């Protein structure tokens, strides 16, 4: 039996695997975000959305899977819809907690 027990000092760190709880994907839509950056004619980009998400406390437990997608609601509109894909628990607890939550982006109120 002793021959199967390894000394902790002899275990290579590149051979250690981290076990994680099984995860699922949640897809969330953020509405009422201005399409243009405040005071400019520059459209909002996914990098701007990432910064907003990282700065807001309601997104603390979420990890983005891919870059957020920014979609203008219509050709004449100045409002965008943002789609975010996040890792979530199997029960989708984190995503469900965000549904119908509001948060501020400068002077605008966005809803998930």
C-alpha atoms as a PDB file:
ATOM      1  CA  UNK A   1       0.000   0.000   0.000  1.00  0.00           C
ATOM      2  CA  UNK A   2       2.847   2.397   0.751  1.00  0.00           C
ATOM      3  CA  UNK A   3       4.130   2.293  -2.807  1.00  0.00           C
ATOM      4  CA  UNK A   4       0.929   4.015  -4.052  1.00  0.00           C
ATOM      5  CA  UNK A   5       1.265   6.964  -1.679  1.00  0.00           C
ATOM      6  CA  UNK A   6       3.312   9.851  -3.102  1.00  0.00           C
ATOM      7  CA  UNK A   7       5.193  12.405  -1.154  1.00  0.00           C
ATOM      8  CA  UNK A   8       3.598  15.823  -1.718  1.00  0.00           C
ATOM      9  CA  UNK A   9       6.993  17.261  -2.613  1.00  0.00           C
ATOM     10  CA  UNK A  10       7.312  14.853  -5.550  1.00  0.00           C
ATOM     11  CA  UNK A  11       4.057  15.877  -7.261  1.00  0.00           C
ATOM     12  CA  UNK A  12       4.617  18.010 -10.367  1.00  0.00           C
ATOM     13  CA  UNK A  13       2.514  21.167 -10.431  1.00  0.00           C
ATOM     14  CA  UNK A  14       1.915  20.862 -14.199  1.00  0.00           C
ATOM     15  CA  UNK A  15       0.187  17.533 -13.607  1.00  0.00           C
ATOM     16  CA  UNK A  16      -2.410  18.817 -11.101  1.00  0.00           C
ATOM     17  CA  UNK A  17      -5.975  19.242 -12.350  1.00  0.00           C
ATOM     18  CA  UNK A  18      -8.434  21.617 -10.737  1.00  0.00           C
ATOM     19  CA  UNK A  19     -11.905  20.222 -10.212  1.00  0.00           C
ATOM     20  CA  UNK A  20     -14.773  22.610 -10.869  1.00  0.00           C
ATOM     21  CA  UNK A  21     -18.458  22.373 -10.354  1.00  0.00           C
ATOM     22  CA  UNK A  22     -20.306  21.770 -13.563  1.00  0.00           C
ATOM     23  CA  UNK A  23     -21.303  25.003 -15.249  1.00  0.00           C
ATOM     24  CA  UNK A  24     -23.842  26.092 -17.788  1.00  0.00           C
ATOM     25  CA  UNK A  25     -24.187  29.132 -20.007  1.00  0.00           C
ATOM     26  CA  UNK A  26     -26.663  31.906 -19.443  1.00  0.00           C
ATOM     27  CA  UNK A  27     -27.560  34.459 -22.099  1.00  0.00           C
ATOM     28  CA  UNK A  28     -28.604  37.859 -20.820  1.00  0.00           C
ATOM     29  CA  UNK A  29     -29.945  40.908 -22.647  1.00  0.00           C
ATOM     30  CA  UNK A  30     -29.266  44.419 -21.377  1.00  0.00           C
ATOM     31  CA  UNK A  31     -31.658  47.061 -22.716  1.00  0.00           C
ATOM     32  CA  UNK A  32     -31.825  50.867 -22.711  1.00  0.00           C
ATOM     33  CA  UNK A  33     -28.130  51.531 -23.178  1.00  0.00           C
ATOM     34  CA  UNK A  34     -27.245  54.546 -25.356  1.00  0.00           C
ATOM     35  CA  UNK A  35     -25.722  53.463 -28.663  1.00  0.00           C
ATOM     36  CA  UNK A  36     -23.428  56.481 -28.877  1.00  0.00           C
ATOM     37  CA  UNK A  37     -20.845  57.430 -26.278  1.00  0.00           C
ATOM     38  CA  UNK A  38     -21.963  60.469 -24.324  1.00  0.00           C
ATOM     39  CA  UNK A  39     -21.199  63.720 -26.169  1.00  0.00           C
ATOM     40  CA  UNK A  40     -19.779  61.999 -29.283  1.00  0.00           C
ATOM     41  CA  UNK A  41     -20.857  60.290 -32.483  1.00  0.00           C
ATOM     42  CA  UNK A  42     -18.770  57.227 -31.606  1.00  0.00           C
ATOM     43  CA  UNK A  43     -20.786  54.063 -31.100  1.00  0.00           C
ATOM     44  CA  UNK A  44     -20.329  52.026 -27.941  1.00  0.00           C
ATOM     45  CA  UNK A  45     -18.119  48.954 -28.373  1.00  0.00           C
ATOM     46  CA  UNK A  46     -17.906  45.632 -26.577  1.00  0.00           C
ATOM     47  CA  UNK A  47     -14.726  46.804 -24.814  1.00  0.00           C
ATOM     48  CA  UNK A  48     -16.715  49.674 -23.276  1.00  0.00           C
ATOM     49  CA  UNK A  49     -19.361  47.210 -22.102  1.00  0.00           C
ATOM     50  CA  UNK A  50     -16.706  44.989 -20.497  1.00  0.00           C
ATOM     51  CA  UNK A  51     -15.454  47.968 -18.478  1.00  0.00           C
ATOM     52  CA  UNK A  52     -19.017  48.811 -17.385  1.00  0.00           C
ATOM     53  CA  UNK A  53     -19.660  45.191 -16.344  1.00  0.00           C
ATOM     54  CA  UNK A  54     -16.412  44.941 -14.362  1.00  0.00           C
ATOM     55  CA  UNK A  55     -17.155  48.223 -12.569  1.00  0.00           C
ATOM     56  CA  UNK A  56     -20.690  47.259 -11.523  1.00  0.00           C
ATOM     57  CA  UNK A  57     -21.128  45.208  -8.338  1.00  0.00           C
ATOM     58  CA  UNK A  58     -24.163  43.238  -9.561  1.00  0.00           C
ATOM     59  CA  UNK A  59     -21.913  41.397 -12.049  1.00  0.00           C
ATOM     60  CA  UNK A  60     -19.298  40.339  -9.452  1.00  0.00           C
ATOM     61  CA  UNK A  61     -20.087  36.603  -9.579  1.00  0.00           C
ATOM     62  CA  UNK A  62     -20.211  36.346 -13.372  1.00  0.00           C
ATOM     63  CA  UNK A  63     -17.562  35.527 -15.955  1.00  0.00           C
ATOM     64  CA  UNK A  64     -18.060  36.433 -19.592  1.00  0.00           C
ATOM     65  CA  UNK A  65     -17.700  33.628 -22.135  1.00  0.00           C
ATOM     66  CA  UNK A  66     -17.266  35.835 -25.205  1.00  0.00           C
ATOM     67  CA  UNK A  67     -17.201  39.558 -25.917  1.00  0.00           C
ATOM     68  CA  UNK A  68     -20.549  41.319 -25.401  1.00  0.00           C
ATOM     69  CA  UNK A  69     -22.508  41.946 -28.604  1.00  0.00           C
ATOM     70  CA  UNK A  70     -23.769  45.485 -29.192  1.00  0.00           C
ATOM     71  CA  UNK A  71     -26.804  45.772 -31.476  1.00  0.00           C
ATOM     72  CA  UNK A  72     -28.537  48.999 -32.450  1.00  0.00           C
ATOM     73  CA  UNK A  73     -32.288  48.575 -31.938  1.00  0.00           C
ATOM     74  CA  UNK A  74     -33.214  50.232 -35.246  1.00  0.00           C
ATOM     75  CA  UNK A  75     -31.476  52.347 -37.915  1.00  0.00           C
ATOM     76  CA  UNK A  76     -32.892  55.626 -36.540  1.00  0.00           C
ATOM     77  CA  UNK A  77     -32.576  54.775 -32.854  1.00  0.00           C
ATOM     78  CA  UNK A  78     -29.889  55.926 -30.454  1.00  0.00           C
ATOM     79  CA  UNK A  79     -30.471  52.974 -28.087  1.00  0.00           C
ATOM     80  CA  UNK A  80     -28.598  49.663 -28.118  1.00  0.00           C
ATOM     81  CA  UNK A  81     -29.308  46.149 -26.902  1.00  0.00           C
ATOM     82  CA  UNK A  82     -26.374  44.286 -25.393  1.00  0.00           C
ATOM     83  CA  UNK A  83     -26.212  40.489 -25.369  1.00  0.00           C
ATOM     84  CA  UNK A  84     -23.837  38.887 -22.866  1.00  0.00           C
ATOM     85  CA  UNK A  85     -23.023  35.198 -22.504  1.00  0.00           C
ATOM     86  CA  UNK A  86     -21.854  34.223 -19.024  1.00  0.00           C
ATOM     87  CA  UNK A  87     -20.773  31.110 -17.165  1.00  0.00           C
ATOM     88  CA  UNK A  88     -23.339  30.155 -14.578  1.00  0.00           C
ATOM     89  CA  UNK A  89     -24.162  27.333 -12.178  1.00  0.00           C
ATOM     90  CA  UNK A  90     -26.144  24.329 -13.382  1.00  0.00           C
ATOM     91  CA  UNK A  91     -29.255  25.769 -11.735  1.00  0.00           C
ATOM     92  CA  UNK A  92     -28.601  29.132 -13.480  1.00  0.00           C
ATOM     93  CA  UNK A  93     -28.846  30.843 -10.092  1.00  0.00           C
ATOM     94  CA  UNK A  94     -26.565  33.784 -10.949  1.00  0.00           C
ATOM     95  CA  UNK A  95     -28.326  34.592 -14.217  1.00  0.00           C
ATOM     96  CA  UNK A  96     -31.779  34.380 -12.625  1.00  0.00           C
ATOM     97  CA  UNK A  97     -30.739  36.813  -9.893  1.00  0.00           C
ATOM     98  CA  UNK A  98     -29.940  39.439 -12.551  1.00  0.00           C
ATOM     99  CA  UNK A  99     -33.211  39.264 -14.479  1.00  0.00           C
ATOM    100  CA  UNK A 100     -35.150  42.569 -14.212  1.00  0.00           C
ATOM    101  CA  UNK A 101     -32.308  44.223 -12.275  1.00  0.00           C
ATOM    102  CA  UNK A 102     -31.459  47.811 -13.151  1.00  0.00           C
ATOM    103  CA  UNK A 103     -28.134  49.607 -13.002  1.00  0.00           C
ATOM    104  CA  UNK A 104     -26.808  53.034 -13.944  1.00  0.00           C
ATOM    105  CA  UNK A 105     -24.570  53.868 -16.863  1.00  0.00           C
ATOM    106  CA  UNK A 106     -23.814  57.517 -16.233  1.00  0.00           C
ATOM    107  CA  UNK A 107     -27.220  59.200 -16.332  1.00  0.00           C
ATOM    108  CA  UNK A 108     -29.010  56.282 -18.050  1.00  0.00           C
ATOM    109  CA  UNK A 109     -30.731  53.347 -16.356  1.00  0.00           C
ATOM    110  CA  UNK A 110     -30.192  49.981 -18.047  1.00  0.00           C
ATOM    111  CA  UNK A 111     -32.271  46.863 -17.386  1.00  0.00           C
ATOM    112  CA  UNK A 112     -31.279  43.215 -17.663  1.00  0.00           C
END
